[in-house]
C-alpha atoms as a PDB file:
ATOM      1  CA  UNK A   1      59.718 -41.906   2.340  1.00  0.00           C
ATOM      2  CA  UNK A   2      62.192 -39.255   0.900  1.00  0.00           C
ATOM      3  CA  UNK A   3      63.859 -36.950   3.415  1.00  0.00           C
ATOM      4  CA  UNK A   4      65.346 -33.892   2.042  1.00  0.00           C
ATOM      5  CA  UNK A   5      67.887 -32.198   4.013  1.00  0.00           C
ATOM      6  CA  UNK A   6      68.931 -28.662   3.040  1.00  0.00           C
ATOM      7  CA  UNK A   7      72.113 -26.925   3.833  1.00  0.00           C
ATOM      8  CA  UNK A   8      72.423 -23.181   3.377  1.00  0.00           C
ATOM      9  CA  UNK A   9      75.875 -21.811   2.525  1.00  0.00           C
ATOM     10  CA  UNK A  10      77.025 -18.227   1.987  1.00  0.00           C
ATOM     11  CA  UNK A  11      74.090 -16.369   3.575  1.00  0.00           C
ATOM     12  CA  UNK A  12      75.230 -12.759   2.686  1.00  0.00           C
ATOM     13  CA  UNK A  13      72.971  -9.917   2.127  1.00  0.00           C
ATOM     14  CA  UNK A  14      73.659  -6.470   0.726  1.00  0.00           C
ATOM     15  CA  UNK A  15      74.217  -3.580   3.294  1.00  0.00           C
ATOM     16  CA  UNK A  16      71.238  -2.328   5.156  1.00  0.00           C
ATOM     17  CA  UNK A  17      69.640   0.723   3.561  1.00  0.00           C
ATOM     18  CA  UNK A  18      66.014   1.730   4.344  1.00  0.00           C
ATOM     19  CA  UNK A  19      65.719   3.029   0.650  1.00  0.00           C
ATOM     20  CA  UNK A  20      66.967  -0.124  -0.963  1.00  0.00           C
ATOM     21  CA  UNK A  21      65.711  -3.824  -0.902  1.00  0.00           C
ATOM     22  CA  UNK A  22      67.921  -6.552   0.735  1.00  0.00           C
ATOM     23  CA  UNK A  23      68.939  -9.198  -1.866  1.00  0.00           C
ATOM     24  CA  UNK A  24      69.747 -12.605  -0.732  1.00  0.00           C
ATOM     25  CA  UNK A  25      70.745 -15.465  -2.829  1.00  0.00           C
ATOM     26  CA  UNK A  26      71.130 -18.986  -1.117  1.00  0.00           C
ATOM     27  CA  UNK A  27      72.860 -21.933  -2.600  1.00  0.00           C
ATOM     28  CA  UNK A  28      71.010 -25.175  -1.694  1.00  0.00           C
ATOM     29  CA  UNK A  29      73.196 -28.163  -1.948  1.00  0.00           C
ATOM     30  CA  UNK A  30      72.570 -31.879  -2.257  1.00  0.00           C
ATOM     31  CA  UNK A  31      73.858 -33.411   1.045  1.00  0.00           C
ATOM     32  CA  UNK A  32      73.756 -37.015  -0.296  1.00  0.00           C
ATOM     33  CA  UNK A  33      76.752 -36.302  -2.646  1.00  0.00           C
ATOM     34  CA  UNK A  34      78.891 -34.141  -0.327  1.00  0.00           C
ATOM     35  CA  UNK A  35      81.610 -36.962  -0.006  1.00  0.00           C
ATOM     36  CA  UNK A  36      82.425 -37.009  -3.597  1.00  0.00           C
ATOM     37  CA  UNK A  37      85.267 -34.780  -4.749  1.00  0.00           C
ATOM     38  CA  UNK A  38      83.058 -33.701  -7.978  1.00  0.00           C
ATOM     39  CA  UNK A  39      80.232 -32.863  -5.742  1.00  0.00           C
ATOM     40  CA  UNK A  40      82.476 -30.819  -3.449  1.00  0.00           C
ATOM     41  CA  UNK A  41      83.932 -28.873  -6.454  1.00  0.00           C
ATOM     42  CA  UNK A  42      80.342 -28.233  -7.849  1.00  0.00           C
ATOM     43  CA  UNK A  43      78.872 -27.140  -4.546  1.00  0.00           C
ATOM     44  CA  UNK A  44      81.818 -24.592  -4.269  1.00  0.00           C
ATOM     45  CA  UNK A  45      80.956 -23.432  -7.740  1.00  0.00           C
ATOM     46  CA  UNK A  46      77.294 -23.025  -6.684  1.00  0.00           C
ATOM     47  CA  UNK A  47      78.237 -20.833  -3.631  1.00  0.00           C
ATOM     48  CA  UNK A  48      80.372 -18.784  -5.915  1.00  0.00           C
ATOM     49  CA  UNK A  49      77.497 -18.252  -8.514  1.00  0.00           C
ATOM     50  CA  UNK A  50      75.058 -17.523  -5.667  1.00  0.00           C
ATOM     51  CA  UNK A  51      77.357 -14.731  -4.573  1.00  0.00           C
ATOM     52  CA  UNK A  52      77.744 -13.436  -8.197  1.00  0.00           C
ATOM     53  CA  UNK A  53      74.132 -13.455  -8.822  1.00  0.00           C
ATOM     54  CA  UNK A  54      73.394 -11.602  -5.644  1.00  0.00           C
ATOM     55  CA  UNK A  55      76.283  -8.970  -5.823  1.00  0.00           C
ATOM     56  CA  UNK A  56      76.521  -8.496  -9.578  1.00  0.00           C
ATOM     57  CA  UNK A  57      73.654  -9.524 -11.754  1.00  0.00           C
ATOM     58  CA  UNK A  58      70.673  -8.740  -9.353  1.00  0.00           C
ATOM     59  CA  UNK A  59      72.208  -5.576  -7.777  1.00  0.00           C
ATOM     60  CA  UNK A  60      70.381  -3.322 -10.206  1.00  0.00           C
ATOM     61  CA  UNK A  61      67.101  -4.285  -8.696  1.00  0.00           C
ATOM     62  CA  UNK A  62      67.898  -2.780  -5.497  1.00  0.00           C
ATOM     63  CA  UNK A  63      67.833   0.797  -6.764  1.00  0.00           C
ATOM     64  CA  UNK A  64      65.064  -0.013  -9.421  1.00  0.00           C
ATOM     65  CA  UNK A  65      62.533  -1.279  -6.692  1.00  0.00           C
ATOM     66  CA  UNK A  66      63.162   0.815  -3.492  1.00  0.00           C
ATOM     67  CA  UNK A  67      59.949   0.198  -2.076  1.00  0.00           C
ATOM     68  CA  UNK A  68      60.535  -3.655  -1.646  1.00  0.00           C
ATOM     69  CA  UNK A  69      62.013  -4.743   1.629  1.00  0.00           C
ATOM     70  CA  UNK A  70      63.773  -7.706   0.473  1.00  0.00           C
ATOM     71  CA  UNK A  71      64.242 -10.503  -2.250  1.00  0.00           C
ATOM     72  CA  UNK A  72      65.243 -14.109  -1.473  1.00  0.00           C
ATOM     73  CA  UNK A  73      66.316 -16.449  -4.304  1.00  0.00           C
ATOM     74  CA  UNK A  74      67.321 -19.994  -3.971  1.00  0.00           C
ATOM     75  CA  UNK A  75      69.535 -21.592  -6.408  1.00  0.00           C
ATOM     76  CA  UNK A  76      70.635 -25.330  -6.723  1.00  0.00           C
ATOM     77  CA  UNK A  77      71.444 -28.049  -9.239  1.00  0.00           C
ATOM     78  CA  UNK A  78      69.158 -30.343 -11.157  1.00  0.00           C
ATOM     79  CA  UNK A  79      70.161 -33.913 -11.420  1.00  0.00           C
ATOM     80  CA  UNK A  80      72.226 -33.121 -14.510  1.00  0.00           C
ATOM     81  CA  UNK A  81      74.023 -30.100 -12.577  1.00  0.00           C
ATOM     82  CA  UNK A  82      72.155 -27.463 -14.565  1.00  0.00           C
ATOM     83  CA  UNK A  83      71.593 -24.438 -12.292  1.00  0.00           C
ATOM     84  CA  UNK A  84      67.863 -23.870 -11.279  1.00  0.00           C
ATOM     85  CA  UNK A  85      66.516 -20.866  -9.368  1.00  0.00           C
ATOM     86  CA  UNK A  86      63.536 -19.901  -7.544  1.00  0.00           C
ATOM     87  CA  UNK A  87      62.209 -16.654  -5.850  1.00  0.00           C
ATOM     88  CA  UNK A  88      60.978 -17.807  -2.372  1.00  0.00           C
ATOM     89  CA  UNK A  89      59.366 -14.646  -0.797  1.00  0.00           C
ATOM     90  CA  UNK A  90      56.495 -12.595  -1.706  1.00  0.00           C
ATOM     91  CA  UNK A  91      57.582  -9.880  -4.077  1.00  0.00           C
ATOM     92  CA  UNK A  92      55.806  -8.074  -6.862  1.00  0.00           C
ATOM     93  CA  UNK A  93      55.436  -9.839 -10.229  1.00  0.00           C
ATOM     94  CA  UNK A  94      57.739  -7.443 -11.902  1.00  0.00           C
ATOM     95  CA  UNK A  95      60.679  -8.318  -9.607  1.00  0.00           C
ATOM     96  CA  UNK A  96      60.046 -11.974 -10.397  1.00  0.00           C
ATOM     97  CA  UNK A  97      60.037 -11.274 -14.074  1.00  0.00           C
ATOM     98  CA  UNK A  98      63.307  -9.331 -13.794  1.00  0.00           C
ATOM     99  CA  UNK A  99      64.974 -12.211 -11.840  1.00  0.00           C
ATOM    100  CA  UNK A 100      63.762 -14.626 -14.565  1.00  0.00           C
ATOM    101  CA  UNK A 101      65.452 -12.343 -17.206  1.00  0.00           C
ATOM    102  CA  UNK A 102      68.761 -12.203 -15.470  1.00  0.00           C
ATOM    103  CA  UNK A 103      68.749 -15.979 -14.640  1.00  0.00           C
ATOM    104  CA  UNK A 104      67.621 -16.767 -18.150  1.00  0.00           C
ATOM    105  CA  UNK A 105      70.562 -14.776 -19.578  1.00  0.00           C
ATOM    106  CA  UNK A 106      72.820 -16.884 -17.343  1.00  0.00           C
ATOM    107  CA  UNK A 107      71.302 -20.196 -18.594  1.00  0.00           C
ATOM    108  CA  UNK A 108      69.525 -20.937 -15.362  1.00  0.00           C
ATOM    109  CA  UNK A 109      66.214 -22.693 -15.395  1.00  0.00           C
ATOM    110  CA  UNK A 110      63.098 -21.984 -13.219  1.00  0.00           C
ATOM    111  CA  UNK A 111      63.000 -24.280 -10.104  1.00  0.00           C
ATOM    112  CA  UNK A 112      59.450 -25.721 -10.248  1.00  0.00           C
ATOM    113  CA  UNK A 113      58.633 -27.735  -7.198  1.00  0.00           C
ATOM    114  CA  UNK A 114      56.609 -27.614  -3.976  1.00  0.00           C
ATOM    115  CA  UNK A 115      59.001 -29.151  -1.689  1.00  0.00           C
ATOM    116  CA  UNK A 116      61.167 -26.128  -0.894  1.00  0.00           C
ATOM    117  CA  UNK A 117      59.947 -23.680   1.901  1.00  0.00           C
ATOM    118  CA  UNK A 118      58.017 -21.089  -0.095  1.00  0.00           C
ATOM    119  CA  UNK A 119      56.846 -17.961   1.707  1.00  0.00           C
ATOM    120  CA  UNK A 120      54.544 -16.386  -0.675  1.00  0.00           C
ATOM    121  CA  UNK A 121      51.088 -15.082  -0.178  1.00  0.00           C
ATOM    122  CA  UNK A 122      48.476 -16.868  -2.165  1.00  0.00           C
END
């Protein structure tokens, strides 16, 4: 049986504004590799990239989609330390496409798994 433990670092959100969505990017790290110095460095890098994605790259979405209340994106590493991303809350398809565009430009790949908590309406 595989048990996955998720630790969330750098949970920061944009300032609250009723006319703009709140964008949150969470870095999800692998707790099984935390003792290694390379893993520690890579996890710090992931935290920095999460902040950058939230505060720089996705910031234009706040003004472009004022009707949405929030956007939550998880980022993590694949086994080969490629960055993967996933929108985890229920947002319009256009916003997911915009996130995909920004993440694609950064070289991130889409996170395709059912093991992460996903809060979308089906």
